[in-house]
Amino acid sequence: MHERLGSRAIPRATLLAARVIDQGASGKPEIERGLLSYPDLVRDSVKSQLSALRQRLRDEGTLTTEAEIDEHTGLFLHDGWMSCLLDPTMPRVKSTDGEDLLLTSVRFDVDDEEGLAAALNRGGELASEPGEPGVWYWSGKNREGGL
C-alpha cells in the first residue's frame, strides 16, 4: 500500500482504522482521507469487540464474504473512535497491591517549619529528596516485598 505520512508520525503497535481504496493517485492501494488512531487504553477492548462483531456477522450468515463483513464493520470502527474523543475511558489507578487509589491533595498551615522538618526527618519511612527542600516521600513494601 502506498502511504507516507502515517508510518512516520504514528508509533508502532498503534491501533488504526482506515479506509483503503484499491487504486489511488499513485496507482497503488492508498488510505483514503485519513487514519483513525485509537488510544492504547482501549486497544485491546476494541480488538476483542471487533472480533466478536465479525464472528457474529459470520454466524448470522447474512454477510457471506469477508469484504461484506469489512464494509459492515466500518461504522463500528468509526463509532468506537468517536467515543474515544467524546466519552474517553478513564483508567483505574491502583496501588502495587492492586487496590484502587484515590488521588488527594492535603495542605497544612505550618507555624514551625524547622520543627516539622526535624520531625519528618526522624520518620523511619520518610525520606527527603536531595535538591527538593521541603519535600518528603514515603514508600513501603507491598505484599510481594517490593517497594
C-alpha atoms as a PDB file:
ATOM      1  CA  MET A   1       0.000   0.000   0.000  1.00  0.00           C
ATOM      2  CA  HIS A   2       1.253   3.482  -0.807  1.00  0.00           C
ATOM      3  CA  GLU A   3       1.420   5.579   2.360  1.00  0.00           C
ATOM      4  CA  ARG A   4       3.962   8.134   3.557  1.00  0.00           C
ATOM      5  CA  LEU A   5       2.814  10.313   6.438  1.00  0.00           C
ATOM      6  CA  GLY A   6       1.206   7.944   8.958  1.00  0.00           C
ATOM      7  CA  SER A   7       4.092   5.489   9.060  1.00  0.00           C
ATOM      8  CA  ARG A   8       6.424   8.329  10.033  1.00  0.00           C
ATOM      9  CA  ALA A   9       4.153  10.049  12.555  1.00  0.00           C
ATOM     10  CA  ILE A  10       2.400   7.199  14.373  1.00  0.00           C
ATOM     11  CA  PRO A  11       4.246   4.908  16.823  1.00  0.00           C
ATOM     12  CA  ARG A  12       4.480   1.164  16.204  1.00  0.00           C
ATOM     13  CA  ALA A  13       1.705  -1.019  17.651  1.00  0.00           C
ATOM     14  CA  THR A  14      -0.843   1.819  17.448  1.00  0.00           C
ATOM     15  CA  LEU A  15      -4.304   0.536  16.611  1.00  0.00           C
ATOM     16  CA  LEU A  16      -5.561   2.258  13.469  1.00  0.00           C
ATOM     17  CA  ALA A  17      -8.660   2.139  11.342  1.00  0.00           C
ATOM     18  CA  ALA A  18      -8.611   3.397   7.784  1.00  0.00           C
ATOM     19  CA  ARG A  19     -10.440   3.027   4.521  1.00  0.00           C
ATOM     20  CA  VAL A  20      -8.144   1.647   1.843  1.00  0.00           C
ATOM     21  CA  ILE A  21      -9.014   2.199  -1.798  1.00  0.00           C
ATOM     22  CA  ASP A  22      -7.789  -0.200  -4.477  1.00  0.00           C
ATOM     23  CA  GLN A  23      -6.136   2.405  -6.657  1.00  0.00           C
ATOM     24  CA  GLY A  24      -5.275   5.904  -5.542  1.00  0.00           C
ATOM     25  CA  ALA A  25      -3.428   8.721  -7.287  1.00  0.00           C
ATOM     26  CA  SER A  26      -0.192   6.718  -7.048  1.00  0.00           C
ATOM     27  CA  GLY A  27      -1.769   3.841  -8.959  1.00  0.00           C
ATOM     28  CA  LYS A  28      -1.419   1.653  -5.851  1.00  0.00           C
ATOM     29  CA  PRO A  29      -3.764   0.960  -2.945  1.00  0.00           C
ATOM     30  CA  GLU A  30      -3.912   4.027  -0.683  1.00  0.00           C
ATOM     31  CA  ILE A  31      -5.504   5.157   2.545  1.00  0.00           C
ATOM     32  CA  GLU A  32      -8.423   7.412   1.725  1.00  0.00           C
ATOM     33  CA  ARG A  33      -8.545  10.731   3.592  1.00  0.00           C
ATOM     34  CA  GLY A  34      -7.044   9.809   6.950  1.00  0.00           C
ATOM     35  CA  LEU A  35      -6.292   7.405   9.745  1.00  0.00           C
ATOM     36  CA  LEU A  36      -8.356   6.860  12.875  1.00  0.00           C
ATOM     37  CA  SER A  37      -5.917   6.281  15.718  1.00  0.00           C
ATOM     38  CA  TYR A  38      -7.181   4.609  18.899  1.00  0.00           C
ATOM     39  CA  PRO A  39      -5.659   5.312  22.329  1.00  0.00           C
ATOM     40  CA  ASP A  40      -3.593   2.465  23.804  1.00  0.00           C
ATOM     41  CA  LEU A  41      -6.009   2.332  26.747  1.00  0.00           C
ATOM     42  CA  VAL A  42      -8.823   0.962  24.548  1.00  0.00           C
ATOM     43  CA  ARG A  43      -6.789  -1.036  22.012  1.00  0.00           C
ATOM     44  CA  ASP A  44      -7.472  -4.492  23.489  1.00  0.00           C
ATOM     45  CA  SER A  45     -11.146  -3.724  24.083  1.00  0.00           C
ATOM     46  CA  VAL A  46     -11.672  -2.519  20.501  1.00  0.00           C
ATOM     47  CA  LYS A  47      -9.876  -5.555  19.091  1.00  0.00           C
ATOM     48  CA  SER A  48     -11.945  -8.026  21.124  1.00  0.00           C
ATOM     49  CA  GLN A  49     -15.230  -6.244  20.350  1.00  0.00           C
ATOM     50  CA  LEU A  50     -14.360  -6.135  16.650  1.00  0.00           C
ATOM     51  CA  SER A  51     -13.527  -9.859  16.633  1.00  0.00           C
ATOM     52  CA  ALA A  52     -16.828 -10.645  18.377  1.00  0.00           C
ATOM     53  CA  LEU A  53     -18.772  -8.477  15.900  1.00  0.00           C
ATOM     54  CA  ARG A  54     -17.110 -10.114  12.903  1.00  0.00           C
ATOM     55  CA  GLN A  55     -17.823 -13.584  14.314  1.00  0.00           C
ATOM     56  CA  ARG A  56     -21.463 -12.664  14.976  1.00  0.00           C
ATOM     57  CA  LEU A  57     -21.847 -11.418  11.399  1.00  0.00           C
ATOM     58  CA  ARG A  58     -20.383 -14.681  10.062  1.00  0.00           C
ATOM     59  CA  ASP A  59     -22.661 -16.751  12.316  1.00  0.00           C
ATOM     60  CA  GLU A  60     -25.783 -14.855  11.217  1.00  0.00           C
ATOM     61  CA  GLY A  61     -24.975 -15.757   7.610  1.00  0.00           C
ATOM     62  CA  THR A  62     -26.426 -12.594   6.028  1.00  0.00           C
ATOM     63  CA  LEU A  63     -22.957 -11.372   5.028  1.00  0.00           C
ATOM     64  CA  THR A  64     -21.152 -14.078   3.132  1.00  0.00           C
ATOM     65  CA  THR A  65     -17.781 -12.618   2.174  1.00  0.00           C
ATOM     66  CA  GLU A  66     -15.002 -11.021   4.195  1.00  0.00           C
ATOM     67  CA  ALA A  67     -15.364  -7.893   2.015  1.00  0.00           C
ATOM     68  CA  GLU A  68     -19.034  -7.570   3.044  1.00  0.00           C
ATOM     69  CA  ILE A  69     -18.077  -8.009   6.694  1.00  0.00           C
ATOM     70  CA  ASP A  70     -15.308  -5.394   6.305  1.00  0.00           C
ATOM     71  CA  GLU A  71     -17.822  -2.896   4.909  1.00  0.00           C
ATOM     72  CA  HIS A  72     -20.242  -3.577   7.765  1.00  0.00           C
ATOM     73  CA  THR A  73     -17.599  -3.079  10.471  1.00  0.00           C
ATOM     74  CA  GLY A  74     -16.673   0.423   9.251  1.00  0.00           C
ATOM     75  CA  LEU A  75     -19.455   2.048  11.268  1.00  0.00           C
ATOM     76  CA  PHE A  76     -18.356   0.169  14.395  1.00  0.00           C
ATOM     77  CA  LEU A  77     -14.768   1.380  13.940  1.00  0.00           C
ATOM     78  CA  HIS A  78     -15.844   4.981  13.357  1.00  0.00           C
ATOM     79  CA  ASP A  79     -18.228   4.981  16.340  1.00  0.00           C
ATOM     80  CA  GLY A  80     -15.537   3.486  18.584  1.00  0.00           C
ATOM     81  CA  TRP A  81     -13.038   6.120  17.509  1.00  0.00           C
ATOM     82  CA  MET A  82     -15.552   8.946  18.061  1.00  0.00           C
ATOM     83  CA  SER A  83     -16.398   7.652  21.541  1.00  0.00           C
ATOM     84  CA  CYS A  84     -12.679   7.856  22.409  1.00  0.00           C
ATOM     85  CA  LEU A  85     -12.873  11.566  21.630  1.00  0.00           C
ATOM     86  CA  LEU A  86     -16.296  12.395  23.042  1.00  0.00           C
ATOM     87  CA  ASP A  87     -16.506   9.990  26.001  1.00  0.00           C
ATOM     88  CA  PRO A  88     -12.952   8.837  26.795  1.00  0.00           C
ATOM     89  CA  THR A  89     -12.320   5.854  29.038  1.00  0.00           C
ATOM     90  CA  MET A  90     -10.736   6.818  32.336  1.00  0.00           C
ATOM     91  CA  PRO A  91      -8.000   4.493  33.610  1.00  0.00           C
ATOM     92  CA  ARG A  92      -8.270   2.900  37.033  1.00  0.00           C
ATOM     93  CA  VAL A  93      -5.432   3.957  39.296  1.00  0.00           C
ATOM     94  CA  LYS A  94      -4.239   1.096  41.509  1.00  0.00           C
ATOM     95  CA  SER A  95      -1.573   0.513  44.115  1.00  0.00           C
ATOM     96  CA  THR A  96       1.122  -2.118  43.651  1.00  0.00           C
ATOM     97  CA  ASP A  97      -1.151  -4.387  45.721  1.00  0.00           C
ATOM     98  CA  GLY A  98      -3.947  -3.948  43.155  1.00  0.00           C
ATOM     99  CA  GLU A  99      -6.116  -1.759  45.380  1.00  0.00           C
ATOM    100  CA  ASP A 100      -7.890   1.280  43.937  1.00  0.00           C
ATOM    101  CA  LEU A 101      -6.249   4.605  44.736  1.00  0.00           C
ATOM    102  CA  LEU A 102      -7.993   7.863  45.383  1.00  0.00           C
ATOM    103  CA  LEU A 103      -5.753  10.755  44.431  1.00  0.00           C
ATOM    104  CA  THR A 104      -5.909  13.511  47.015  1.00  0.00           C
ATOM    105  CA  SER A 105      -4.041  16.622  47.994  1.00  0.00           C
ATOM    106  CA  VAL A 106      -3.730  17.745  51.601  1.00  0.00           C
ATOM    107  CA  ARG A 107      -2.250  21.036  52.750  1.00  0.00           C
ATOM    108  CA  PHE A 108      -1.475  22.231  56.259  1.00  0.00           C
ATOM    109  CA  ASP A 109      -0.583  25.624  57.649  1.00  0.00           C
ATOM    110  CA  VAL A 110       2.785  25.248  59.384  1.00  0.00           C
ATOM    111  CA  ASP A 111       3.907  27.592  62.152  1.00  0.00           C
ATOM    112  CA  ASP A 112       7.255  25.894  62.953  1.00  0.00           C
ATOM    113  CA  GLU A 113       8.924  24.786  59.693  1.00  0.00           C
ATOM    114  CA  GLU A 114      12.187  23.714  61.352  1.00  0.00           C
ATOM    115  CA  GLY A 115      10.353  21.624  63.956  1.00  0.00           C
ATOM    116  CA  LEU A 116       8.243  19.969  61.266  1.00  0.00           C
ATOM    117  CA  ALA A 117      11.323  19.215  59.128  1.00  0.00           C
ATOM    118  CA  ALA A 118      13.088  17.667  62.145  1.00  0.00           C
ATOM    119  CA  ALA A 119      10.038  15.510  62.940  1.00  0.00           C
ATOM    120  CA  LEU A 120       9.700  14.340  59.333  1.00  0.00           C
ATOM    121  CA  ASN A 121      13.409  13.555  59.114  1.00  0.00           C
ATOM    122  CA  ARG A 122      13.065  11.333  62.221  1.00  0.00           C
ATOM    123  CA  GLY A 123      10.303   9.344  60.493  1.00  0.00           C
ATOM    124  CA  GLY A 124      11.710   5.962  59.533  1.00  0.00           C
ATOM    125  CA  GLU A 125       9.792   5.502  56.284  1.00  0.00           C
ATOM    126  CA  LEU A 126      10.014   9.118  55.146  1.00  0.00           C
ATOM    127  CA  ALA A 127      12.876  10.428  53.051  1.00  0.00           C
ATOM    128  CA  SER A 128      13.614  13.920  51.867  1.00  0.00           C
ATOM    129  CA  GLU A 129      14.618  14.298  48.272  1.00  0.00           C
ATOM    130  CA  PRO A 130      18.007  15.940  47.667  1.00  0.00           C
ATOM    131  CA  GLY A 131      17.571  19.138  45.710  1.00  0.00           C
ATOM    132  CA  GLU A 132      13.926  19.477  46.727  1.00  0.00           C
ATOM    133  CA  PRO A 133      13.836  21.258  50.083  1.00  0.00           C
ATOM    134  CA  GLY A 134      10.594  20.866  51.955  1.00  0.00           C
ATOM    135  CA  VAL A 135       9.569  17.693  50.083  1.00  0.00           C
ATOM    136  CA  TRP A 136       9.415  14.234  51.720  1.00  0.00           C
ATOM    137  CA  TYR A 137       8.454  10.916  50.160  1.00  0.00           C
ATOM    138  CA  TRP A 138       7.017   7.825  51.770  1.00  0.00           C
ATOM    139  CA  SER A 139       7.393   4.340  50.421  1.00  0.00           C
ATOM    140  CA  GLY A 140       6.963   0.963  51.938  1.00  0.00           C
ATOM    141  CA  LYS A 141       6.953  -2.682  50.950  1.00  0.00           C
ATOM    142  CA  ASN A 142       3.975  -4.225  49.159  1.00  0.00           C
ATOM    143  CA  ARG A 143       2.670  -7.790  49.588  1.00  0.00           C
ATOM    144  CA  GLU A 144       5.411  -9.142  47.326  1.00  0.00           C
ATOM    145  CA  GLY A 145       8.141  -7.343  49.281  1.00  0.00           C
ATOM    146  CA  GLY A 146       8.834  -4.750  46.561  1.00  0.00           C
ATOM    147  CA  LEU A 147       8.732  -1.002  47.119  1.00  0.00           C
END
